[in-house]
Protein backbone atom coordinates (compact mmCIF):
# COMPACT_ATOMS: atom_id res chain seq x y z
CA UNK A 1 0.00 0.00 0.00
CA UNK A 2 1.25 3.48 -0.88
CA UNK A 3 2.29 5.63 2.07
CA UNK A 4 2.13 9.42 2.09
CA UNK A 5 4.57 12.03 3.42
CA UNK A 6 1.89 14.74 3.20
CA UNK A 7 -1.76 14.15 4.05
CA UNK A 8 -4.24 17.00 3.66
CA UNK A 9 -7.68 16.24 5.02
CA UNK A 10 -10.78 18.42 5.04
CA UNK A 11 -13.41 16.17 6.64
CA UNK A 12 -17.11 17.00 6.32
CA UNK A 13 -17.54 18.24 9.89
CA UNK A 14 -20.97 17.97 11.53
CA UNK A 15 -22.13 21.53 10.91
CA UNK A 16 -25.19 23.27 9.55
CA UNK A 17 -25.27 26.18 7.16
CA UNK A 18 -26.20 29.49 8.72
CA UNK A 19 -29.53 30.97 7.77
CA UNK A 20 -30.66 34.57 7.86
CA UNK A 21 -33.14 36.80 6.05
CA UNK A 22 -30.76 37.58 3.20
CA UNK A 23 -30.35 33.83 2.41
CA UNK A 24 -33.52 32.03 3.61
CA UNK A 25 -32.92 28.93 1.44
CA UNK A 26 -29.38 28.23 2.67
CA UNK A 27 -30.21 25.32 4.99
CA UNK A 28 -28.58 22.03 3.94
CA UNK A 29 -24.91 21.35 3.33
CA UNK A 30 -23.75 20.70 -0.24
CA UNK A 31 -22.37 17.29 0.80
CA UNK A 32 -22.95 14.54 3.39
CA UNK A 33 -21.45 15.28 6.80
CA UNK A 34 -19.72 12.93 9.26
CA UNK A 35 -19.95 12.70 13.03
CA UNK A 36 -16.77 13.20 15.08
CA UNK A 37 -16.44 9.48 15.89
CA UNK A 38 -16.68 8.65 12.18
CA UNK A 39 -13.91 11.13 11.40
CA UNK A 40 -11.73 9.56 14.12
CA UNK A 41 -12.19 6.16 12.47
CA UNK A 42 -10.67 7.26 9.14
CA UNK A 43 -7.58 5.10 8.34
CA UNK A 44 -5.03 7.92 8.46
CA UNK A 45 -2.34 5.84 10.23
CA UNK A 46 -2.62 3.15 7.56
CA UNK A 47 -1.76 5.56 4.73
CA UNK A 48 0.77 7.73 6.60
CA UNK A 49 4.47 7.33 5.85
CA UNK A 50 6.80 6.74 8.78
CA UNK A 51 7.67 10.46 8.66
CA UNK A 52 4.50 12.29 7.67
CA UNK A 53 3.01 15.76 7.77
CA UNK A 54 -0.73 16.03 8.41
CA UNK A 55 -2.76 19.14 7.58
CA UNK A 56 -6.21 18.88 9.16
CA UNK A 57 -8.62 21.56 8.00
CA UNK A 58 -11.18 22.39 10.66
CA UNK A 59 -14.01 24.73 11.41
CA UNK A 60 -14.23 27.35 14.13
CA UNK A 61 -16.70 25.23 16.12
CA UNK A 62 -14.61 22.03 15.84
CA UNK A 63 -11.21 23.61 16.49
CA UNK A 64 -10.84 22.06 19.96
CA UNK A 65 -12.18 18.64 18.91
CA UNK A 66 -9.68 18.59 16.05
CA UNK A 67 -6.63 18.27 18.30
CA UNK A 68 -8.02 15.08 19.87
CA UNK A 69 -8.79 13.68 16.42
CA UNK A 70 -5.29 14.48 15.16
CA UNK A 71 -3.78 12.77 18.20
CA UNK A 72 -6.06 9.73 17.83
CA UNK A 73 -4.46 9.23 14.40
CA UNK A 74 -1.01 9.09 16.04
CA UNK A 75 0.15 12.65 15.24
CA UNK A 76 1.58 15.41 17.41
CA UNK A 77 0.32 18.97 17.01
CA UNK A 78 2.97 21.42 15.82
CA UNK A 79 0.91 24.56 15.17
CA UNK A 80 -2.34 25.94 13.83
CA UNK A 81 -2.28 27.71 10.47
CA UNK A 82 -4.90 30.29 9.50
CA UNK A 83 -6.27 31.01 6.05
CA UNK A 84 -7.57 34.57 6.03
CA UNK A 85 -10.12 34.59 3.24
CA UNK A 86 -10.31 37.57 0.95
CA UNK A 87 -13.65 38.08 -0.73
CA UNK A 88 -12.96 39.04 -4.33
CA UNK A 89 -16.25 38.02 -5.94
CA UNK A 90 -18.57 38.66 -2.99
CA UNK A 91 -17.26 42.08 -1.98
CA UNK A 92 -20.63 43.74 -2.70
CA UNK A 93 -22.64 41.40 -0.46
CA UNK A 94 -24.03 42.85 2.77
CA UNK A 95 -22.34 41.44 5.85
CA UNK A 96 -23.97 40.88 9.24
CA UNK A 97 -22.44 40.37 12.67
CA UNK A 98 -19.02 38.75 12.82
CA UNK A 99 -17.07 38.27 9.61
CA UNK A 100 -16.27 34.56 9.47
CA UNK A 101 -13.36 34.98 7.10
CA UNK A 102 -10.85 32.52 8.55
CA UNK A 103 -10.33 28.79 8.34
CA UNK A 104 -7.94 26.79 10.46
CA UNK A 105 -5.48 24.03 9.64
CA UNK A 106 -3.96 21.95 12.42
CA UNK A 107 -0.44 20.94 11.40
CA UNK A 108 0.65 17.63 12.84
CA UNK A 109 3.51 15.23 12.33
CA UNK A 110 4.43 11.69 13.25
CA UNK A 111 7.91 10.43 14.12
CA UNK A 112 10.55 12.84 12.85
CA UNK A 113 9.96 14.61 9.54
CA UNK A 114 12.23 17.59 9.00
CA UNK A 115 10.73 20.20 11.32
CA UNK A 116 12.95 22.82 9.67
CA UNK A 117 12.78 21.74 6.01
CA UNK A 118 15.11 23.30 3.49
CA UNK A 119 12.38 25.32 1.77
CA UNK A 120 10.91 28.80 1.75
CA UNK A 121 9.22 29.79 4.98
CA UNK A 122 5.68 28.51 5.28
CA UNK A 123 3.62 31.21 6.97
CA UNK A 124 1.29 30.30 9.82
CA UNK A 125 -1.18 32.90 8.51
CA UNK A 126 -1.78 33.46 4.81
CA UNK A 127 -4.30 35.26 2.63
CA UNK A 128 -6.03 33.88 -0.43
CA UNK A 129 -9.30 34.48 -2.21
CA UNK A 130 -12.35 32.48 -1.20
CA UNK A 131 -13.36 30.72 -4.42
CA UNK A 132 -16.33 28.46 -3.57
CA UNK A 133 -17.68 26.71 -0.51
CA UNK A 134 -15.11 24.37 1.03
CA UNK A 135 -12.60 24.67 -1.84
CA UNK A 136 -9.15 25.30 -0.44
CA UNK A 137 -6.76 27.74 -2.12
CA UNK A 138 -4.08 26.53 -4.54
CA UNK A 139 -1.65 28.78 -2.67
CA UNK A 140 -1.87 26.49 0.38
CA UNK A 141 -0.93 23.38 -1.62
CA UNK A 142 2.00 25.13 -3.31
CA UNK A 143 3.36 26.22 0.10
CA UNK A 144 3.42 22.70 1.53
CA UNK A 145 4.46 20.67 -1.55
CA UNK A 146 8.20 20.88 -0.74
CA UNK A 147 7.58 18.86 2.47
CA UNK A 148 7.23 15.54 0.62
CA UNK A 149 6.86 13.83 -2.71
CA UNK A 150 4.02 11.42 -1.91
CA UNK A 151 1.00 13.60 -1.24
CA UNK A 152 -2.73 13.00 -0.87
CA UNK A 153 -5.72 15.29 -0.49
CA UNK A 154 -8.65 13.58 1.29
CA UNK A 155 -12.17 14.86 0.65
CA UNK A 156 -10.71 16.74 -2.31
CA UNK A 157 -12.88 19.13 -4.30
CA UNK A 158 -10.70 18.86 -7.42
CA UNK A 159 -7.84 16.87 -8.91
CA UNK A 160 -4.38 18.35 -8.49
CA UNK A 161 -1.14 17.72 -10.39
CA UNK A 162 1.40 15.57 -8.47
CA UNK A 163 -1.17 14.75 -5.76
CA UNK A 164 -3.30 11.70 -5.17
CA UNK A 165 -6.88 12.55 -4.28
CA UNK A 166 -9.85 10.89 -2.64
CA UNK A 167 -13.41 12.15 -2.35
CA UNK A 168 -16.87 12.08 -3.87
CA UNK A 169 -16.16 14.99 -6.27
CA UNK A 170 -13.00 13.53 -7.85
CA UNK A 171 -11.78 10.35 -9.50
CA UNK A 172 -10.13 8.84 -6.42
CA UNK A 173 -6.60 7.41 -6.54
CA UNK A 174 -7.12 5.15 -3.50
CA UNK A 175 -9.98 3.15 -2.05
CA UNK A 176 -10.21 4.47 1.52
CA UNK A 177 -13.28 2.37 2.32
CA UNK A 178 -11.42 -0.80 1.34
CA UNK A 179 -8.51 0.18 3.63
CA UNK A 180 -10.99 0.70 6.48
CA UNK A 181 -12.57 -2.70 5.83
CA UNK A 182 -9.17 -4.41 5.78
CA UNK A 183 -8.21 -2.66 9.02
CA UNK A 184 -11.44 -3.75 10.73
CA UNK A 185 -10.78 -7.35 9.66
CA UNK A 186 -7.25 -7.17 11.08
CA UNK A 187 -8.53 -5.72 14.37
CA UNK A 188 -11.19 -8.43 14.72
CA UNK A 189 -8.77 -11.35 14.07
């Protein structure tokens, strides 16, 4: 089985879309969500290389749960990155209350990848335009690519050159459900 030096995962957290008078029909999510226990059961250890970087995208409301999930997969937390979203196409929309223009990425590692890799600095906070719901910026992927050659994006919204992908919106390169089934068989024997 292929092992990855970089794993990016953006699980479908158990959240609901916000509703307000300006968007009364915005109720359901665009994709099926998972409960926290289901996310914990994902076979991340099985696909992780001995020295692996993990980038766990999370929501504001699940920020504190995310650390426990990352650790349940056998990773240590290094830091939390922040994507400050710029709003190029929606600049004319009226805004209400707090501006939820940040997403968080917990950066974890297992064993001993190069903590100080020989690459350009990777900022803990970066800006990029918000393109569409849940799509992550290309800038993020370009920043982390130097950390490893075998890379996978789980719950990917699009295919990406030099990356394996898995998700219901892409032609997946691995069968994650099969890996989970094989793991469950090994645990039960």
